[in-house]
Amino acid sequence: MLENRIDKKILKEKLYQETFERSTISFYKYFPIQYPQEFRNELYRVWSEMNCFGRIYVAHEGINAQMSVPEQTMDSFLNHLYSIPELNQVPIKRAIEDDGKSFYKLTIKVRPKIVADGLEDNSYDLSQIGEHLSAIDFHEAINDPDTIVVDMRNHYESEIGHFEKAYCPDADTFKEAIQIVVDKFSPEKDKRFLLYCTGGIRCEKASSYLIHNGFSNVAQLHGGIIEYAQQIKQLQLPSKFYGKNFVFDERLGESIDGQVISFCHQCGKPADTHTNCANSDCHLLFIQCEECRAKYEGCCSDECREITHLLLDERRKVRQQHAAKYAESKIFKSRLRPALQNKIVND
């Protein structure tokens, strides 16, 4: 069986009972994979034997991986990874804050793309991408008053942390974000644009898309925020990234400079901890402080908190009612900002 179907509660219990250390790493690479399913199956077979966890996407265009690897098998893992010709010496990024509990099982999925960009294939050319800037070069380039710094992540990521003077698109998807950037900055196409994202993968397509749309001077942070934070820490330089870096694992974030620049979506107090609403039919991603977490029992609203106390049959009835009422808004499926959620409900 090339997938793990054990209940996640059991898997999480086993994870926290482990007596060995794990490291959270990430890597990606664009390269052609002729048979993604076969490639995926071989990775799963080898990595599951090494007790690796993580979320990996494989597509015809390459691989995108975030993983938790036992320290005692790290060398074996890297030896296997580098034995794949196209992935030999692929840059590995280690988490900034890491207790090794980032993932509780191994999931490898075959997808149409390794980043869900929503773009047409002919709208960019990955042979034409922006200049790769090292962490230090990016750190210094921000000082130039004529540069435009652009955060290529979604709103819920940039809300809790972003670079100095960065423009952060108010977008829910990559496709929406990149189009906002093109529309807003088209009159300034000749200026220098500095792009950044979590690990660098989204900037590959973002820079290519901007170049395709006539932007003549585009650069990107090589290795993303993760690599920047590591390098700045080693060189003991003051960070120009403020707040927390959103990550797509159980942690949902890691602090870069110790600052809290965002606020609880329920009471407005300083907070930067994301959570998914405890009402599984809602599952809204939002920021919640400890006081509100206790008050609302991990839910985004009184309504959702009340739903979690219902018996299963009653919850099913409520689910059917909401499914009909909010079919168009998809309120229980998307990561809408609470302000927009309230607007949809009130309308």
Protein backbone atom coordinates (compact mmCIF):
# COMPACT_ATOMS: atom_id res chain seq x y z
CA MET A 1 0.00 0.00 0.00
CA LEU A 2 1.56 3.28 -1.14
CA GLU A 3 -0.35 5.60 1.19
CA ASN A 4 -1.03 5.92 4.91
CA ARG A 5 -4.68 5.48 5.92
CA ILE A 6 -4.21 5.33 9.69
CA ASP A 7 -6.35 7.78 11.69
CA LYS A 8 -4.52 11.07 12.15
CA LYS A 9 -5.11 11.10 15.92
CA ILE A 10 -3.20 7.83 16.21
CA LEU A 11 -0.44 9.13 13.95
CA LYS A 12 -0.08 12.32 15.98
CA GLU A 13 0.10 10.35 19.23
CA LYS A 14 2.86 8.19 17.76
CA LEU A 15 4.71 11.30 16.59
CA TYR A 16 4.78 12.85 20.06
CA GLN A 17 5.90 9.56 21.57
CA GLU A 18 9.00 9.41 19.38
CA THR A 19 12.29 9.53 21.28
CA PHE A 20 14.47 10.62 18.37
CA GLU A 21 14.87 14.03 16.73
CA ARG A 22 13.48 15.15 13.40
CA SER A 23 14.34 18.06 11.12
CA THR A 24 11.92 20.00 8.95
CA ILE A 25 13.30 20.65 5.49
CA SER A 26 11.98 21.85 2.14
CA PHE A 27 13.15 21.82 -1.46
CA TYR A 28 11.78 22.19 -4.96
CA LYS A 29 12.93 21.96 -8.53
CA TYR A 30 11.38 22.45 -11.93
CA PHE A 31 12.41 19.65 -14.29
CA PRO A 32 10.50 17.40 -16.69
CA ILE A 33 9.09 14.17 -15.23
CA GLN A 34 7.74 11.91 -17.96
CA TYR A 35 5.89 9.51 -15.66
CA PRO A 36 4.88 11.40 -12.47
CA GLN A 37 2.89 8.53 -10.94
CA GLU A 38 5.76 6.05 -11.22
CA PHE A 39 8.18 8.68 -9.92
CA ARG A 40 5.82 9.36 -7.00
CA ASN A 41 5.45 5.68 -6.13
CA GLU A 42 9.21 5.11 -6.00
CA LEU A 43 9.69 8.12 -3.71
CA TYR A 44 6.94 6.89 -1.41
CA ARG A 45 8.39 3.39 -1.22
CA VAL A 46 11.88 4.60 -0.28
CA TRP A 47 10.97 7.51 1.97
CA SER A 48 8.33 5.64 3.93
CA GLU A 49 10.94 2.99 4.77
CA MET A 50 13.10 5.81 6.18
CA ASN A 51 10.17 6.97 8.36
CA CYS A 52 10.02 10.32 6.58
CA PHE A 53 6.91 12.46 6.88
CA GLY A 54 5.81 15.41 4.79
CA ARG A 55 3.70 16.84 2.01
CA ILE A 56 5.18 16.45 -1.46
CA TYR A 57 3.70 17.41 -4.82
CA VAL A 58 4.92 15.79 -8.04
CA ALA A 59 3.95 16.91 -11.53
CA HIS A 60 5.22 16.77 -15.10
CA GLU A 61 6.98 20.08 -14.33
CA GLY A 62 8.91 18.94 -11.23
CA ILE A 63 8.70 18.45 -7.46
CA ASN A 64 7.81 20.60 -4.44
CA ALA A 65 8.48 19.12 -0.99
CA GLN A 66 8.13 20.04 2.67
CA MET A 67 9.29 17.21 4.91
CA SER A 68 10.11 16.00 8.39
CA VAL A 69 13.10 13.63 8.31
CA PRO A 70 14.53 11.67 11.27
CA GLU A 71 18.05 12.87 12.03
CA GLN A 72 19.36 9.29 12.11
CA THR A 73 18.21 8.74 8.51
CA MET A 74 19.00 12.21 7.15
CA ASP A 75 22.22 11.08 5.46
CA SER A 76 20.46 8.14 3.83
CA PHE A 77 17.63 10.40 2.73
CA LEU A 78 19.98 12.93 1.15
CA ASN A 79 22.01 10.17 -0.52
CA HIS A 80 18.84 8.85 -2.11
CA LEU A 81 17.61 12.31 -3.08
CA TYR A 82 20.93 13.23 -4.69
CA SER A 83 21.07 9.88 -6.49
CA ILE A 84 18.25 11.16 -8.68
CA PRO A 85 20.23 12.94 -11.44
CA GLU A 86 17.89 15.91 -11.76
CA LEU A 87 17.91 16.44 -7.97
CA ASN A 88 21.63 16.04 -7.38
CA GLN A 89 22.66 18.79 -4.93
CA VAL A 90 19.22 20.43 -5.05
CA PRO A 91 19.26 23.20 -2.38
CA ILE A 92 17.80 22.04 0.93
CA LYS A 93 16.25 24.63 3.25
CA ARG A 94 15.98 23.88 6.97
CA ALA A 95 13.20 25.35 9.12
CA ILE A 96 14.00 28.38 11.27
CA GLU A 97 12.04 27.24 14.33
CA ASP A 98 11.84 23.47 14.45
CA ASP A 99 10.85 20.85 16.97
CA GLY A 100 10.48 18.24 14.24
CA LYS A 101 6.71 17.95 14.75
CA SER A 102 5.78 19.64 11.50
CA PHE A 103 4.20 16.58 9.84
CA TYR A 104 2.74 13.34 11.16
CA LYS A 105 2.60 11.23 7.99
CA LEU A 106 4.01 10.97 4.48
CA THR A 107 1.78 12.31 1.72
CA ILE A 108 2.97 12.41 -1.89
CA LYS A 109 0.45 13.57 -4.46
CA VAL A 110 0.57 13.80 -8.24
CA ARG A 111 -0.76 17.18 -9.32
CA PRO A 112 -1.14 19.04 -12.63
CA LYS A 113 1.41 21.56 -11.30
CA ILE A 114 3.70 21.70 -8.27
CA VAL A 115 2.33 25.15 -7.48
CA ALA A 116 -1.38 25.75 -8.05
CA ASP A 117 -0.94 28.97 -10.03
CA GLY A 118 -4.15 28.99 -12.07
CA LEU A 119 -2.20 30.37 -15.04
CA GLU A 120 -2.30 29.29 -18.66
CA ASP A 121 0.90 27.48 -19.70
CA ASN A 122 1.53 29.97 -22.50
CA SER A 123 1.37 32.95 -20.10
CA TYR A 124 4.94 32.41 -18.88
CA ASP A 125 8.19 30.76 -19.93
CA LEU A 126 10.33 29.26 -17.16
CA SER A 127 13.42 29.59 -19.33
CA GLN A 128 12.98 33.34 -18.77
CA ILE A 129 12.99 34.11 -15.04
CA GLY A 130 14.17 36.92 -12.80
CA GLU A 131 17.70 37.34 -11.50
CA HIS A 132 18.37 35.22 -8.42
CA LEU A 133 19.55 37.39 -5.53
CA SER A 134 21.30 35.96 -2.48
CA ALA A 135 19.91 36.82 0.93
CA ILE A 136 22.57 39.51 1.43
CA ASP A 137 22.09 41.01 -2.04
CA PHE A 138 18.34 41.14 -1.46
CA HIS A 139 18.89 42.63 2.02
CA GLU A 140 20.95 45.45 0.49
CA ALA A 141 18.80 45.94 -2.62
CA ILE A 142 15.79 46.83 -0.46
CA ASN A 143 17.60 50.05 0.50
CA ASP A 144 17.38 51.40 -3.04
CA PRO A 145 14.45 53.87 -3.03
CA ASP A 146 13.77 53.18 -6.71
CA THR A 147 13.10 49.46 -6.20
CA ILE A 148 9.64 48.00 -5.71
CA VAL A 149 9.49 45.07 -3.28
CA VAL A 150 6.60 42.66 -3.88
CA ASP A 151 5.34 39.88 -1.62
CA MET A 152 4.17 37.04 -3.89
CA ARG A 153 2.27 35.21 -1.16
CA ASN A 154 -1.42 35.24 -0.23
CA HIS A 155 -2.90 37.76 2.20
CA TYR A 156 -3.02 35.39 5.17
CA GLU A 157 0.73 34.82 4.82
CA SER A 158 1.85 38.44 4.49
CA GLU A 159 -0.55 39.56 7.22
CA ILE A 160 1.62 38.04 9.95
CA GLY A 161 4.99 38.94 8.43
CA HIS A 162 6.56 40.74 5.48
CA PHE A 163 9.64 42.62 4.31
CA GLU A 164 10.27 46.30 4.90
CA LYS A 165 8.40 48.50 2.36
CA ALA A 166 6.88 45.45 0.65
CA TYR A 167 3.72 45.70 -1.41
CA CYS A 168 1.44 42.85 -0.24
CA PRO A 169 -1.41 42.04 -2.66
CA ASP A 170 -4.76 41.56 -0.94
CA ALA A 171 -5.28 38.24 -2.68
CA ASP A 172 -6.52 34.75 -1.86
CA THR A 173 -4.70 32.96 -4.69
CA PHE A 174 -1.46 33.20 -6.64
CA LYS A 175 -3.35 33.91 -9.86
CA GLU A 176 -5.18 36.79 -8.23
CA ALA A 177 -1.99 38.16 -6.64
CA ILE A 178 0.11 38.17 -9.81
CA GLN A 179 -2.64 39.86 -11.81
CA ILE A 180 -3.01 42.56 -9.12
CA VAL A 181 0.73 43.20 -9.38
CA VAL A 182 0.65 43.44 -13.18
CA ASP A 183 -2.35 45.78 -13.17
CA LYS A 184 -0.99 48.02 -10.41
CA PHE A 185 2.59 48.35 -11.61
CA SER A 186 2.28 48.24 -15.41
CA PRO A 187 2.95 52.01 -15.63
CA GLU A 188 6.26 51.36 -13.80
CA LYS A 189 7.46 48.35 -15.79
CA ASP A 190 10.95 49.75 -16.21
CA LYS A 191 11.64 50.00 -12.48
CA ARG A 192 13.48 47.26 -10.62
CA PHE A 193 11.18 44.73 -8.96
CA LEU A 194 12.28 42.54 -6.04
CA LEU A 195 10.04 39.50 -5.55
CA TYR A 196 9.98 37.14 -2.59
CA CYS A 197 7.95 34.23 -1.24
CA THR A 198 8.35 31.47 1.37
CA GLY A 199 10.98 29.28 -0.29
CA GLY A 200 11.37 30.74 -3.75
CA ILE A 201 9.17 28.44 -5.81
CA ARG A 202 6.33 30.88 -6.48
CA CYS A 203 8.77 33.60 -7.50
CA GLU A 204 10.05 31.45 -10.36
CA LYS A 205 6.67 31.64 -12.07
CA ALA A 206 5.88 35.15 -10.82
CA SER A 207 9.08 36.59 -12.27
CA SER A 208 8.56 34.71 -15.53
CA TYR A 209 4.99 35.99 -15.75
CA LEU A 210 6.09 39.59 -15.16
CA ILE A 211 8.82 39.31 -17.78
CA HIS A 212 6.26 37.85 -20.19
CA ASN A 213 4.14 40.95 -19.50
CA GLY A 214 6.91 43.40 -20.31
CA PHE A 215 8.58 44.01 -16.93
CA SER A 216 12.22 44.52 -17.84
CA ASN A 217 14.11 44.40 -14.51
CA VAL A 218 12.90 41.60 -12.23
CA ALA A 219 14.84 39.90 -9.45
CA GLN A 220 13.85 37.34 -6.83
CA LEU A 221 15.04 36.25 -3.41
CA HIS A 222 16.81 32.94 -3.94
CA GLY A 223 15.69 30.43 -1.31
CA GLY A 224 12.92 32.72 -0.15
CA ILE A 225 12.23 33.95 3.38
CA ILE A 226 13.52 30.72 4.87
CA GLU A 227 16.99 31.13 3.40
CA TYR A 228 17.02 34.86 4.16
CA ALA A 229 16.29 34.26 7.85
CA GLN A 230 19.03 31.65 8.11
CA GLN A 231 21.63 33.87 6.46
CA ILE A 232 20.74 37.00 8.42
CA LYS A 233 20.94 35.07 11.66
CA GLN A 234 24.37 33.67 10.81
CA LEU A 235 25.70 37.11 9.89
CA GLN A 236 24.04 38.72 12.94
CA LEU A 237 22.38 41.39 10.82
CA PRO A 238 19.11 43.12 11.77
CA SER A 239 16.27 41.50 9.84
CA LYS A 240 14.35 43.51 7.29
CA PHE A 241 11.63 40.90 7.43
CA TYR A 242 9.24 41.78 10.23
CA GLY A 243 7.08 39.29 12.08
CA LYS A 244 6.41 35.63 11.37
CA ASN A 245 6.88 33.51 8.27
CA PHE A 246 3.76 31.48 7.42
CA VAL A 247 4.57 27.81 6.72
CA PHE A 248 2.39 25.07 5.30
CA ASP A 249 2.69 22.43 7.99
CA GLU A 250 1.36 21.78 11.49
CA ARG A 251 3.23 24.82 12.87
CA LEU A 252 1.58 27.33 10.49
CA GLY A 253 4.33 29.84 11.22
CA GLU A 254 7.83 30.51 12.52
CA SER A 255 9.01 33.82 13.98
CA ILE A 256 11.79 35.66 12.15
CA ASP A 257 12.49 38.63 14.43
CA GLY A 258 10.23 38.09 17.45
CA GLN A 259 7.82 40.88 16.52
CA VAL A 260 4.04 40.45 16.42
CA ILE A 261 2.70 42.72 13.66
CA SER A 262 -0.79 41.27 13.18
CA PHE A 263 -3.96 41.12 15.26
CA CYS A 264 -6.55 38.64 16.47
CA HIS A 265 -9.42 38.51 13.99
CA GLN A 266 -11.93 38.29 16.82
CA CYS A 267 -10.90 40.82 19.47
CA GLY A 268 -8.20 42.89 17.75
CA LYS A 269 -5.41 42.22 20.25
CA PRO A 270 -1.87 41.66 18.94
CA ALA A 271 -1.63 38.03 17.79
CA ASP A 272 0.02 36.04 15.01
CA THR A 273 -1.13 32.46 15.57
CA HIS A 274 -3.17 30.98 12.75
CA THR A 275 -5.69 28.26 13.43
CA ASN A 276 -8.37 26.41 11.51
CA CYS A 277 -11.86 26.69 12.94
CA ALA A 278 -12.63 23.71 15.17
CA ASN A 279 -15.93 23.30 13.35
CA SER A 280 -14.75 20.85 10.70
CA ASP A 281 -17.51 21.96 8.32
CA CYS A 282 -16.10 25.48 8.44
CA HIS A 283 -12.34 24.99 8.85
CA LEU A 284 -11.75 28.70 8.22
CA LEU A 285 -8.11 29.76 8.56
CA PHE A 286 -7.83 32.81 10.81
CA ILE A 287 -5.71 34.49 13.49
CA GLN A 288 -6.78 33.87 17.08
CA CYS A 289 -5.27 34.96 20.40
CA GLU A 290 -5.14 32.63 23.40
CA GLU A 291 -8.03 34.40 25.16
CA CYS A 292 -10.32 34.06 22.17
CA ARG A 293 -9.19 30.49 21.62
CA ALA A 294 -10.46 29.67 25.11
CA LYS A 295 -13.62 31.77 24.74
CA TYR A 296 -14.63 30.35 21.35
CA GLU A 297 -13.11 26.88 21.94
CA GLY A 298 -10.94 27.18 18.84
CA CYS A 299 -13.83 28.31 16.63
CA CYS A 300 -14.18 31.40 14.47
CA SER A 301 -17.61 32.38 15.82
CA ASP A 302 -20.26 31.64 18.43
CA GLU A 303 -22.25 29.89 15.71
CA CYS A 304 -19.42 27.49 14.93
CA ARG A 305 -18.74 26.90 18.63
CA GLU A 306 -22.38 25.96 19.15
CA ILE A 307 -22.26 23.60 16.17
CA THR A 308 -19.33 21.68 17.69
CA HIS A 309 -21.51 20.86 20.72
CA LEU A 310 -24.31 19.33 18.64
CA LEU A 311 -24.84 15.61 18.25
CA LEU A 312 -23.70 14.11 14.96
CA ASP A 313 -27.20 13.89 13.45
CA GLU A 314 -27.89 17.52 14.34
CA ARG A 315 -24.56 18.60 12.86
CA ARG A 316 -25.46 16.85 9.62
CA LYS A 317 -28.69 18.84 9.43
CA VAL A 318 -26.81 22.09 10.02
CA ARG A 319 -24.26 21.09 7.39
CA GLN A 320 -27.04 20.60 4.85
CA GLN A 321 -28.58 23.96 5.75
CA HIS A 322 -25.27 25.78 5.36
CA ALA A 323 -24.43 23.95 2.15
CA ALA A 324 -27.62 25.30 0.59
CA LYS A 325 -27.38 28.77 2.10
CA TYR A 326 -23.75 29.41 1.24
CA ALA A 327 -23.34 27.41 -1.96
CA GLU A 328 -22.18 30.41 -3.98
CA SER A 329 -19.90 31.94 -1.36
CA LYS A 330 -18.21 28.60 -0.60
CA ILE A 331 -17.79 29.94 2.90
CA PHE A 332 -16.97 26.53 4.34
CA LYS A 333 -14.39 25.69 1.68
CA SER A 334 -12.20 28.75 1.29
CA ARG A 335 -9.81 30.75 3.44
CA LEU A 336 -11.70 34.01 3.30
CA ARG A 337 -10.79 36.91 5.53
CA PRO A 338 -13.28 37.19 8.43
CA ALA A 339 -14.29 40.68 7.27
CA LEU A 340 -15.35 39.24 3.92
CA GLN A 341 -16.99 36.30 5.63
CA ASN A 342 -19.16 38.62 7.73
CA LYS A 343 -20.09 40.60 4.66
CA ILE A 344 -21.23 37.47 2.84
CA VAL A 345 -23.27 36.26 5.83
CA ASN A 346 -24.89 39.65 6.41
CA ASP A 347 -25.69 40.09 2.73
